[in-house]
C-alpha atoms as a PDB file:
ATOM      1  CA  MET A   1      -1.118 -12.388 -12.543  1.00  0.00           C
ATOM      2  CA  LYS A   2       0.986 -12.414 -16.033  1.00  0.00           C
ATOM      3  CA  ALA A   3       1.833  -9.031 -17.155  1.00  0.00           C
ATOM      4  CA  ASP A   4       1.947  -8.140 -21.074  1.00  0.00           C
ATOM      5  CA  LEU A   5       4.854  -5.800 -21.352  1.00  0.00           C
ATOM      6  CA  ARG A   6       7.830  -5.341 -19.572  1.00  0.00           C
ATOM      7  CA  LEU A   7       9.912  -2.240 -19.225  1.00  0.00           C
ATOM      8  CA  GLU A   8      13.314  -2.394 -17.913  1.00  0.00           C
ATOM      9  CA  THR A   9      16.588   0.342 -16.861  1.00  0.00           C
ATOM     10  CA  SER A  10      19.289  -0.150 -14.380  1.00  0.00           C
ATOM     11  CA  ARG A  11      17.035   1.336 -12.028  1.00  0.00           C
ATOM     12  CA  TRP A  12      13.585  -0.072 -12.403  1.00  0.00           C
ATOM     13  CA  GLN A  13      11.893  -2.950 -13.714  1.00  0.00           C
ATOM     14  CA  ALA A  14       8.107  -2.581 -14.299  1.00  0.00           C
ATOM     15  CA  GLU A  15       5.384  -4.671 -15.405  1.00  0.00           C
ATOM     16  CA  VAL A  16       2.251  -3.380 -17.470  1.00  0.00           C
ATOM     17  CA  SER A  17      -1.159  -4.505 -18.361  1.00  0.00           C
ATOM     18  CA  LEU A  18      -3.300  -3.791 -21.655  1.00  0.00           C
ATOM     19  CA  HIS A  19      -6.205  -4.882 -19.704  1.00  0.00           C
ATOM     20  CA  GLY A  20      -6.865  -1.273 -17.555  1.00  0.00           C
ATOM     21  CA  GLY A  21      -4.055   0.366 -19.670  1.00  0.00           C
ATOM     22  CA  GLN A  22      -1.846   0.234 -16.547  1.00  0.00           C
ATOM     23  CA  LEU A  23       1.573  -0.675 -14.464  1.00  0.00           C
ATOM     24  CA  LEU A  24       1.346  -4.120 -12.528  1.00  0.00           C
ATOM     25  CA  ARG A  25       4.406  -4.215 -10.359  1.00  0.00           C
ATOM     26  CA  ALA A  26       7.376  -1.593  -9.995  1.00  0.00           C
ATOM     27  CA  CYS A  27      10.440  -2.812  -8.369  1.00  0.00           C
ATOM     28  CA  CYS A  28      13.533   0.045  -8.014  1.00  0.00           C
ATOM     29  CA  ALA A  29      17.042  -1.440  -7.898  1.00  0.00           C
ATOM     30  CA  GLY A  30      18.436  -1.621  -4.366  1.00  0.00           C
ATOM     31  CA  SER A  31      15.655  -2.896  -2.906  1.00  0.00           C
ATOM     32  CA  PRO A  32      14.630  -6.226  -2.247  1.00  0.00           C
ATOM     33  CA  HIS A  33      10.828  -5.231  -1.959  1.00  0.00           C
ATOM     34  CA  PRO A  34       8.669  -3.861  -4.687  1.00  0.00           C
ATOM     35  CA  VAL A  35       7.615  -0.237  -4.721  1.00  0.00           C
ATOM     36  CA  ILE A  36       4.120  -0.769  -6.471  1.00  0.00           C
ATOM     37  CA  TRP A  37       2.011  -3.504  -4.957  1.00  0.00           C
ATOM     38  CA  LEU A  38      -0.217  -6.167  -6.740  1.00  0.00           C
ATOM     39  CA  GLY A  39      -2.357  -8.176  -4.767  1.00  0.00           C
ATOM     40  CA  SER A  40      -1.943 -12.058  -4.818  1.00  0.00           C
ATOM     41  CA  ARG A  41      -5.308 -12.539  -6.098  1.00  0.00           C
ATOM     42  CA  ALA A  42      -5.093 -10.112  -8.505  1.00  0.00           C
ATOM     43  CA  GLN A  43      -7.534 -10.741 -11.983  1.00  0.00           C
ATOM     44  CA  SER A  44      -7.985  -9.089 -15.423  1.00  0.00           C
ATOM     45  CA  GLY A  45     -10.810 -10.082 -17.475  1.00  0.00           C
ATOM     46  CA  PRO A  46     -13.860  -8.209 -19.052  1.00  0.00           C
ATOM     47  CA  GLY A  47     -15.409  -5.743 -16.885  1.00  0.00           C
ATOM     48  CA  GLN A  48     -12.946  -6.688 -14.120  1.00  0.00           C
ATOM     49  CA  ALA A  49     -10.638  -4.247 -12.514  1.00  0.00           C
ATOM     50  CA  ILE A  50      -7.522  -5.400 -11.478  1.00  0.00           C
ATOM     51  CA  ARG A  51      -6.910  -5.294  -7.700  1.00  0.00           C
ATOM     52  CA  GLY A  52      -3.104  -3.365  -7.457  1.00  0.00           C
ATOM     53  CA  GLY A  53      -0.609  -1.637  -9.719  1.00  0.00           C
ATOM     54  CA  VAL A  54      -2.200   1.533 -10.458  1.00  0.00           C
ATOM     55  CA  PRO A  55      -5.491   1.767 -12.059  1.00  0.00           C
ATOM     56  CA  VAL A  56      -6.746   4.368 -14.270  1.00  0.00           C
ATOM     57  CA  CYS A  57     -10.035   5.898 -13.172  1.00  0.00           C
ATOM     58  CA  TRP A  58     -11.952   7.883 -15.721  1.00  0.00           C
ATOM     59  CA  PRO A  59     -13.840   9.491 -16.589  1.00  0.00           C
ATOM     60  CA  TRP A  60     -15.018   9.679 -13.388  1.00  0.00           C
ATOM     61  CA  PHE A  61     -13.869   8.819  -9.971  1.00  0.00           C
ATOM     62  CA  GLY A  62     -15.836   7.374  -7.222  1.00  0.00           C
ATOM     63  CA  ALA A  63     -19.631   7.090  -8.035  1.00  0.00           C
ATOM     64  CA  SER A  64     -20.763   7.262 -11.434  1.00  0.00           C
ATOM     65  CA  PRO A  65     -23.159  10.002 -12.326  1.00  0.00           C
ATOM     66  CA  VAL A  66     -24.931   8.320 -14.457  1.00  0.00           C
ATOM     67  CA  PRO A  67     -27.079   5.178 -12.693  1.00  0.00           C
ATOM     68  CA  GLY A  68     -25.975   1.595 -14.112  1.00  0.00           C
ATOM     69  CA  ARG A  69     -22.346   2.451 -14.970  1.00  0.00           C
ATOM     70  CA  PRO A  70     -19.553   1.261 -13.059  1.00  0.00           C
ATOM     71  CA  ALA A  71     -17.971   3.383 -10.103  1.00  0.00           C
ATOM     72  CA  GLN A  72     -14.196   4.673 -11.113  1.00  0.00           C
ATOM     73  CA  GLY A  73     -15.056   4.703 -14.414  1.00  0.00           C
ATOM     74  CA  PHE A  74     -14.537   2.351 -17.237  1.00  0.00           C
ATOM     75  CA  ALA A  75     -10.890   2.884 -18.453  1.00  0.00           C
ATOM     76  CA  ARG A  76      -9.612   0.227 -15.830  1.00  0.00           C
ATOM     77  CA  LEU A  77     -12.381  -2.385 -17.433  1.00  0.00           C
ATOM     78  CA  CYS A  78     -11.041  -1.658 -20.960  1.00  0.00           C
ATOM     79  CA  GLN A  79      -8.449  -3.312 -23.122  1.00  0.00           C
ATOM     80  CA  TRP A  80      -5.718  -0.787 -24.511  1.00  0.00           C
ATOM     81  CA  GLU A  81      -3.756  -0.507 -27.555  1.00  0.00           C
ATOM     82  CA  VAL A  82      -0.201  -0.015 -27.650  1.00  0.00           C
ATOM     83  CA  GLU A  83       0.873   3.531 -29.484  1.00  0.00           C
ATOM     84  CA  ARG A  84       4.354   3.362 -28.392  1.00  0.00           C
ATOM     85  CA  LEU A  85       6.720   0.956 -26.964  1.00  0.00           C
ATOM     86  CA  GLU A  86      10.641   1.372 -26.033  1.00  0.00           C
ATOM     87  CA  LYS A  87      12.825  -0.339 -23.005  1.00  0.00           C
ATOM     88  CA  ASP A  88      12.179   2.196 -20.667  1.00  0.00           C
ATOM     89  CA  PHE A  89       8.420   3.691 -22.030  1.00  0.00           C
ATOM     90  CA  VAL A  90       5.523   2.620 -22.983  1.00  0.00           C
ATOM     91  CA  ARG A  91       2.489   4.678 -24.127  1.00  0.00           C
ATOM     92  CA  MET A  92      -1.313   2.936 -24.647  1.00  0.00           C
ATOM     93  CA  ILE A  93      -4.182   4.507 -26.206  1.00  0.00           C
ATOM     94  CA  LEU A  94      -8.007   4.135 -25.560  1.00  0.00           C
ATOM     95  CA  THR A  95     -10.722   5.428 -27.758  1.00  0.00           C
ATOM     96  CA  GLU A  96     -14.591   5.419 -27.943  1.00  0.00           C
ATOM     97  CA  ASP A  97     -14.123   3.031 -30.561  1.00  0.00           C
ATOM     98  CA  GLN A  98     -13.342   0.289 -27.822  1.00  0.00           C
ATOM     99  CA  VAL A  99     -15.820   1.135 -25.363  1.00  0.00           C
ATOM    100  CA  SER A 100     -19.399  -0.028 -25.110  1.00  0.00           C
ATOM    101  CA  PRO A 101     -21.899   2.723 -26.313  1.00  0.00           C
ATOM    102  CA  GLU A 102     -24.009   2.052 -22.980  1.00  0.00           C
ATOM    103  CA  LEU A 103     -20.767   3.383 -20.815  1.00  0.00           C
ATOM    104  CA  CYS A 104     -19.779   6.476 -22.685  1.00  0.00           C
ATOM    105  CA  ASP A 105     -21.913   9.175 -24.636  1.00  0.00           C
ATOM    106  CA  PHE A 106     -18.658  11.156 -26.196  1.00  0.00           C
ATOM    107  CA  PRO A 107     -15.648  10.906 -28.249  1.00  0.00           C
ATOM    108  CA  PHE A 108     -12.193  10.979 -26.682  1.00  0.00           C
ATOM    109  CA  GLU A 109      -8.451   9.851 -26.524  1.00  0.00           C
ATOM    110  CA  LEU A 110      -7.214   8.462 -23.542  1.00  0.00           C
ATOM    111  CA  ARG A 111      -3.236   7.706 -23.252  1.00  0.00           C
ATOM    112  CA  SER A 112      -1.652   5.963 -20.549  1.00  0.00           C
ATOM    113  CA  GLU A 113       1.965   6.838 -20.527  1.00  0.00           C
ATOM    114  CA  ILE A 114       4.814   5.040 -18.158  1.00  0.00           C
ATOM    115  CA  ARG A 115       8.355   5.987 -17.975  1.00  0.00           C
ATOM    116  CA  LEU A 116      11.244   4.617 -16.181  1.00  0.00           C
ATOM    117  CA  GLY A 117      13.649   7.369 -15.246  1.00  0.00           C
ATOM    118  CA  LYS A 118      15.524   8.107 -11.993  1.00  0.00           C
ATOM    119  CA  MET A 119      11.700   7.923 -10.571  1.00  0.00           C
ATOM    120  CA  LEU A 120       9.047   5.960 -12.226  1.00  0.00           C
ATOM    121  CA  GLU A 121       6.744   8.586 -13.832  1.00  0.00           C
ATOM    122  CA  LEU A 122       3.160   7.878 -14.797  1.00  0.00           C
ATOM    123  CA  SER A 123       0.920   9.878 -16.990  1.00  0.00           C
ATOM    124  CA  LEU A 124      -2.789  10.448 -18.077  1.00  0.00           C
ATOM    125  CA  LEU A 125      -3.737  12.590 -20.722  1.00  0.00           C
ATOM    126  CA  MET A 126      -7.339  13.195 -22.205  1.00  0.00           C
ATOM    127  CA  LYS A 127      -8.386  14.624 -25.366  1.00  0.00           C
ATOM    128  CA  ASN A 128     -11.688  15.969 -25.799  1.00  0.00           C
ATOM    129  CA  THR A 129     -12.140  14.995 -29.869  1.00  0.00           C
ATOM    130  CA  GLY A 130     -15.928  15.992 -29.553  1.00  0.00           C
ATOM    131  CA  PRO A 131     -17.711  18.718 -30.865  1.00  0.00           C
ATOM    132  CA  GLU A 132     -18.823  19.897 -27.011  1.00  0.00           C
ATOM    133  CA  SER A 133     -17.300  20.546 -23.611  1.00  0.00           C
ATOM    134  CA  VAL A 134     -17.460  17.419 -21.049  1.00  0.00           C
ATOM    135  CA  ASP A 135     -17.127  17.796 -17.165  1.00  0.00           C
ATOM    136  CA  ILE A 136     -14.512  14.978 -16.012  1.00  0.00           C
ATOM    137  CA  THR A 137     -13.136  13.232 -12.654  1.00  0.00           C
ATOM    138  CA  LEU A 138      -9.773  11.176 -13.159  1.00  0.00           C
ATOM    139  CA  ALA A 139      -7.076   9.354 -10.691  1.00  0.00           C
ATOM    140  CA  LEU A 140      -4.488   7.476 -10.903  1.00  0.00           C
ATOM    141  CA  HIS A 141      -5.054   5.287  -8.018  1.00  0.00           C
ATOM    142  CA  THR A 142      -1.465   4.058  -7.192  1.00  0.00           C
ATOM    143  CA  TYR A 143      -1.012   1.327  -4.819  1.00  0.00           C
ATOM    144  CA  LEU A 144       2.246   1.842  -2.878  1.00  0.00           C
ATOM    145  CA  ALA A 145       4.280  -1.428  -1.221  1.00  0.00           C
ATOM    146  CA  VAL A 146       4.879  -0.997   2.518  1.00  0.00           C
ATOM    147  CA  GLY A 147       5.780  -3.109   5.536  1.00  0.00           C
ATOM    148  CA  ASP A 148       2.918  -2.688   7.217  1.00  0.00           C
ATOM    149  CA  CYS A 149       0.047  -0.025   6.701  1.00  0.00           C
ATOM    150  CA  GLU A 150      -0.449   0.321  10.211  1.00  0.00           C
ATOM    151  CA  LYS A 151       3.419   1.703  11.024  1.00  0.00           C
ATOM    152  CA  ILE A 152       4.009   4.083   8.348  1.00  0.00           C
ATOM    153  CA  ARG A 153       3.364   7.688   8.239  1.00  0.00           C
ATOM    154  CA  LEU A 154       3.001  10.128   5.711  1.00  0.00           C
ATOM    155  CA  SER A 155       3.938  13.600   5.362  1.00  0.00           C
ATOM    156  CA  GLY A 156       2.798  16.353   3.356  1.00  0.00           C
ATOM    157  CA  LEU A 157      -0.334  16.447   3.913  1.00  0.00           C
ATOM    158  CA  GLU A 158      -0.501  18.489   7.369  1.00  0.00           C
ATOM    159  CA  ARG A 159      -2.935  21.425   7.699  1.00  0.00           C
ATOM    160  CA  VAL A 160      -4.415  20.658   4.263  1.00  0.00           C
ATOM    161  CA  PRO A 161      -8.358  20.549   4.475  1.00  0.00           C
ATOM    162  CA  LEU A 162      -9.764  17.142   4.148  1.00  0.00           C
ATOM    163  CA  THR A 163     -13.140  14.908   3.744  1.00  0.00           C
ATOM    164  CA  VAL A 164     -13.583  11.829   4.636  1.00  0.00           C
ATOM    165  CA  LYS A 165     -15.639   9.455   2.394  1.00  0.00           C
ATOM    166  CA  GLY A 166     -17.116  12.353   1.010  1.00  0.00           C
ATOM    167  CA  GLY A 167     -18.505  13.806   4.176  1.00  0.00           C
ATOM    168  CA  PRO A 168     -18.027  17.670   5.456  1.00  0.00           C
ATOM    169  CA  GLU A 169     -14.770  19.343   5.003  1.00  0.00           C
ATOM    170  CA  GLN A 170     -12.225  19.128   7.813  1.00  0.00           C
ATOM    171  CA  PRO A 171      -9.820  21.319   8.980  1.00  0.00           C
ATOM    172  CA  GLY A 172      -6.135  19.808   8.260  1.00  0.00           C
ATOM    173  CA  GLU A 173      -4.131  17.906  11.012  1.00  0.00           C
ATOM    174  CA  SER A 174      -1.177  19.774  12.061  1.00  0.00           C
ATOM    175  CA  GLU A 175       1.009  16.037  12.630  1.00  0.00           C
ATOM    176  CA  PRO A 176       1.946  13.491   9.586  1.00  0.00           C
ATOM    177  CA  LEU A 177      -0.911  10.972   8.994  1.00  0.00           C
ATOM    178  CA  ALA A 178      -0.692   7.414  10.449  1.00  0.00           C
ATOM    179  CA  ILE A 179      -3.572   4.767   9.009  1.00  0.00           C
ATOM    180  CA  ARG A 180      -5.805   3.563  11.562  1.00  0.00           C
ATOM    181  CA  GLY A 181      -8.243   1.219  10.374  1.00  0.00           C
ATOM    182  CA  GLU A 182     -10.164   2.193   7.237  1.00  0.00           C
ATOM    183  CA  CYS A 183      -8.622   5.241   5.764  1.00  0.00           C
ATOM    184  CA  CYS A 184     -10.452   6.875   2.515  1.00  0.00           C
ATOM    185  CA  ARG A 185      -9.254  11.114   2.926  1.00  0.00           C
ATOM    186  CA  LEU A 186      -9.438  13.681  -0.097  1.00  0.00           C
ATOM    187  CA  TYR A 187      -7.112  16.163   0.476  1.00  0.00           C
ATOM    188  CA  CYS A 188      -7.702  19.380  -1.367  1.00  0.00           C
ATOM    189  CA  PRO A 189      -5.974  21.824  -2.500  1.00  0.00           C
ATOM    190  CA  GLN A 190      -3.051  19.543  -2.457  1.00  0.00           C
ATOM    191  CA  SER A 191      -0.323  19.353  -4.966  1.00  0.00           C
ATOM    192  CA  GLY A 192       2.830  19.054  -3.055  1.00  0.00           C
ATOM    193  CA  THR A 193       5.555  16.209  -2.645  1.00  0.00           C
ATOM    194  CA  ILE A 194       4.112  13.033   0.151  1.00  0.00           C
ATOM    195  CA  ARG A 195       6.889  11.362   1.740  1.00  0.00           C
ATOM    196  CA  ILE A 196       6.189   7.531   3.082  1.00  0.00           C
ATOM    197  CA  SER A 197       8.037   6.839   5.940  1.00  0.00           C
ATOM    198  CA  ASP A 198       8.721   3.003   6.202  1.00  0.00           C
ATOM    199  CA  PRO A 199      10.281   1.755   9.236  1.00  0.00           C
ATOM    200  CA  VAL A 200       9.899  -1.221   8.917  1.00  0.00           C
ATOM    201  CA  TRP A 201      11.518  -1.559   5.318  1.00  0.00           C
ATOM    202  CA  ASN A 202      13.571   0.739   6.061  1.00  0.00           C
ATOM    203  CA  ARG A 203      12.625   3.250   3.542  1.00  0.00           C
ATOM    204  CA  THR A 204      10.465   6.284   2.226  1.00  0.00           C
ATOM    205  CA  ILE A 205       9.201   6.475  -0.785  1.00  0.00           C
ATOM    206  CA  GLU A 206       8.546  10.117  -2.321  1.00  0.00           C
ATOM    207  CA  VAL A 207       5.177  11.137  -4.544  1.00  0.00           C
ATOM    208  CA  GLU A 208       5.395  13.791  -6.745  1.00  0.00           C
ATOM    209  CA  LYS A 209       2.669  15.065  -9.157  1.00  0.00           C
ATOM    210  CA  GLU A 210       1.966  17.846 -11.785  1.00  0.00           C
ATOM    211  CA  ASN A 211      -1.602  18.934 -12.408  1.00  0.00           C
ATOM    212  CA  SER A 212      -3.559  17.674  -9.876  1.00  0.00           C
ATOM    213  CA  HIS A 213      -4.379  19.639  -6.945  1.00  0.00           C
ATOM    214  CA  SER A 214      -6.374  16.811  -4.783  1.00  0.00           C
ATOM    215  CA  THR A 215      -4.715  13.842  -3.576  1.00  0.00           C
ATOM    216  CA  LEU A 216      -6.733  10.833  -2.072  1.00  0.00           C
ATOM    217  CA  VAL A 217      -5.160   8.235   0.797  1.00  0.00           C
ATOM    218  CA  TRP A 218      -6.776   5.100   1.130  1.00  0.00           C
ATOM    219  CA  ASN A 219      -6.595   1.541   2.734  1.00  0.00           C
ATOM    220  CA  PRO A 220      -9.508  -0.557   3.290  1.00  0.00           C
ATOM    221  CA  GLY A 221      -8.710  -1.160   6.889  1.00  0.00           C
ATOM    222  CA  ALA A 222      -9.394  -4.650   8.321  1.00  0.00           C
ATOM    223  CA  GLU A 223     -12.882  -4.890   8.422  1.00  0.00           C
ATOM    224  CA  ARG A 224     -13.543  -3.488   4.833  1.00  0.00           C
ATOM    225  CA  ALA A 225     -10.665  -5.601   3.621  1.00  0.00           C
ATOM    226  CA  SER A 226     -12.730  -9.098   4.602  1.00  0.00           C
ATOM    227  CA  GLN A 227     -15.189  -7.780   2.682  1.00  0.00           C
ATOM    228  CA  ILE A 228     -13.258  -7.807  -0.933  1.00  0.00           C
ATOM    229  CA  ALA A 229     -12.884 -11.206  -2.448  1.00  0.00           C
ATOM    230  CA  ASP A 230      -9.741 -10.448  -4.362  1.00  0.00           C
ATOM    231  CA  LEU A 231      -8.021  -9.327  -1.237  1.00  0.00           C
ATOM    232  CA  ALA A 232      -6.185 -12.187   0.677  1.00  0.00           C
ATOM    233  CA  PRO A 233      -6.155 -12.141   4.281  1.00  0.00           C
ATOM    234  CA  GLU A 234      -4.002  -9.448   5.849  1.00  0.00           C
ATOM    235  CA  GLU A 235      -3.193  -8.079   2.117  1.00  0.00           C
ATOM    236  CA  TYR A 236      -4.402  -4.760   3.024  1.00  0.00           C
ATOM    237  CA  ARG A 237      -1.385  -4.294   5.638  1.00  0.00           C
ATOM    238  CA  GLN A 238       0.890  -4.624   2.536  1.00  0.00           C
ATOM    239  CA  PHE A 239      -0.174  -1.256   0.520  1.00  0.00           C
ATOM    240  CA  VAL A 240      -1.567   2.248   0.999  1.00  0.00           C
ATOM    241  CA  CYS A 241      -2.819   3.966  -2.010  1.00  0.00           C
ATOM    242  CA  VAL A 242      -2.196   7.708  -2.656  1.00  0.00           C
ATOM    243  CA  GLU A 243      -3.513   8.920  -5.699  1.00  0.00           C
ATOM    244  CA  ALA A 244      -3.142  11.879  -8.330  1.00  0.00           C
ATOM    245  CA  ASN A 245      -6.816  13.364  -8.794  1.00  0.00           C
ATOM    246  CA  ARG A 246      -8.573  15.698 -10.036  1.00  0.00           C
ATOM    247  CA  ALA A 247     -11.647  15.152  -8.261  1.00  0.00           C
ATOM    248  CA  GLY A 248     -14.529  17.268  -6.059  1.00  0.00           C
ATOM    249  CA  THR A 249     -14.043  20.386  -6.658  1.00  0.00           C
ATOM    250  CA  ASP A 250     -10.646  20.022  -8.908  1.00  0.00           C
ATOM    251  CA  PHE A 251     -12.925  18.423 -11.404  1.00  0.00           C
ATOM    252  CA  VAL A 252     -12.304  19.553 -15.311  1.00  0.00           C
ATOM    253  CA  THR A 253     -14.585  20.831 -17.890  1.00  0.00           C
ATOM    254  CA  LEU A 254     -12.659  20.079 -20.699  1.00  0.00           C
ATOM    255  CA  PRO A 255     -13.380  21.986 -24.115  1.00  0.00           C
ATOM    256  CA  PRO A 256     -13.685  20.672 -27.915  1.00  0.00           C
ATOM    257  CA  ASN A 257      -9.814  20.172 -28.854  1.00  0.00           C
ATOM    258  CA  GLU A 258      -8.435  20.414 -25.414  1.00  0.00           C
ATOM    259  CA  THR A 259      -6.432  18.195 -23.692  1.00  0.00           C
ATOM    260  CA  VAL A 260      -5.996  17.500 -19.867  1.00  0.00           C
ATOM    261  CA  ALA A 261      -2.976  15.623 -18.411  1.00  0.00           C
ATOM    262  CA  ILE A 262      -1.959  14.473 -15.164  1.00  0.00           C
ATOM    263  CA  ARG A 263       1.318  12.886 -14.167  1.00  0.00           C
ATOM    264  CA  GLN A 264       2.624  11.362 -10.836  1.00  0.00           C
ATOM    265  CA  ARG A 265       6.308  10.389  -9.889  1.00  0.00           C
ATOM    266  CA  VAL A 266       7.198   7.756  -7.770  1.00  0.00           C
ATOM    267  CA  GLY A 267      10.806   7.455  -6.081  1.00  0.00           C
ATOM    268  CA  LEU A 268      12.623   5.582  -3.379  1.00  0.00           C
ATOM    269  CA  GLU A 269      15.172   6.778  -0.537  1.00  0.00           C
ATOM    270  CA  LYS A 270      16.908   4.191   1.911  1.00  0.00           C
ATOM    271  CA  ILE A 271      15.892   5.674   5.547  1.00  0.00           C
ATOM    272  CA  GLY A 272      19.249   4.219   6.819  1.00  0.00           C
END
């Protein structure tokens, strides 16, 4: 799919879509493989979410609290506007004026920022411009490109309590996470660095974050992937989602005129 904007430094190349206000792809100098994954069947259009990149999940994460509204919120379905653009930075904005009143019943300013530095930095900032407090959940649904999701290991989640697909809380595990079949795990509280070791591509991806105390790890697995129309056969092996969240018990109650922000930084290091 075609990008609306391109950012570039000597270290990073990134493509951006105004639909959803999101990063589409990113590559790091010295690596023949992308860092941020985009599906071969990814499309954008009215009411359609992009399969890959870093979709913005807001103002709710998961199922809508209001029947009839889309899962994962409406921000990823909307057309955003550019507020500031430089060669290594973009800030996009979405307000209630750009959203159908059927989807949103409070005023807001939502900003999505992408900055290329030593690491790839993604930020999501919301200001409550209304007269009343609002409860929200939010996430940066980051698709990380990997050689084979079933061969990677994720460290930094050990001994952190988790829930699986919204089920009861379970105690954390002592070993790095291996992806086996469908994976939908919310770790909370979790705010430290996560490392994804990839023996196929001989590299490690590092994920850091700020003001996010929960992390979701997601991959649909083979059976679920076969039911997703915009995933080509075997493409589920090419990514793992490691998301900076404010979800579950880590939701936000935002007073009038206050702002909340979450940030995620992604870096790449070689194994050998």
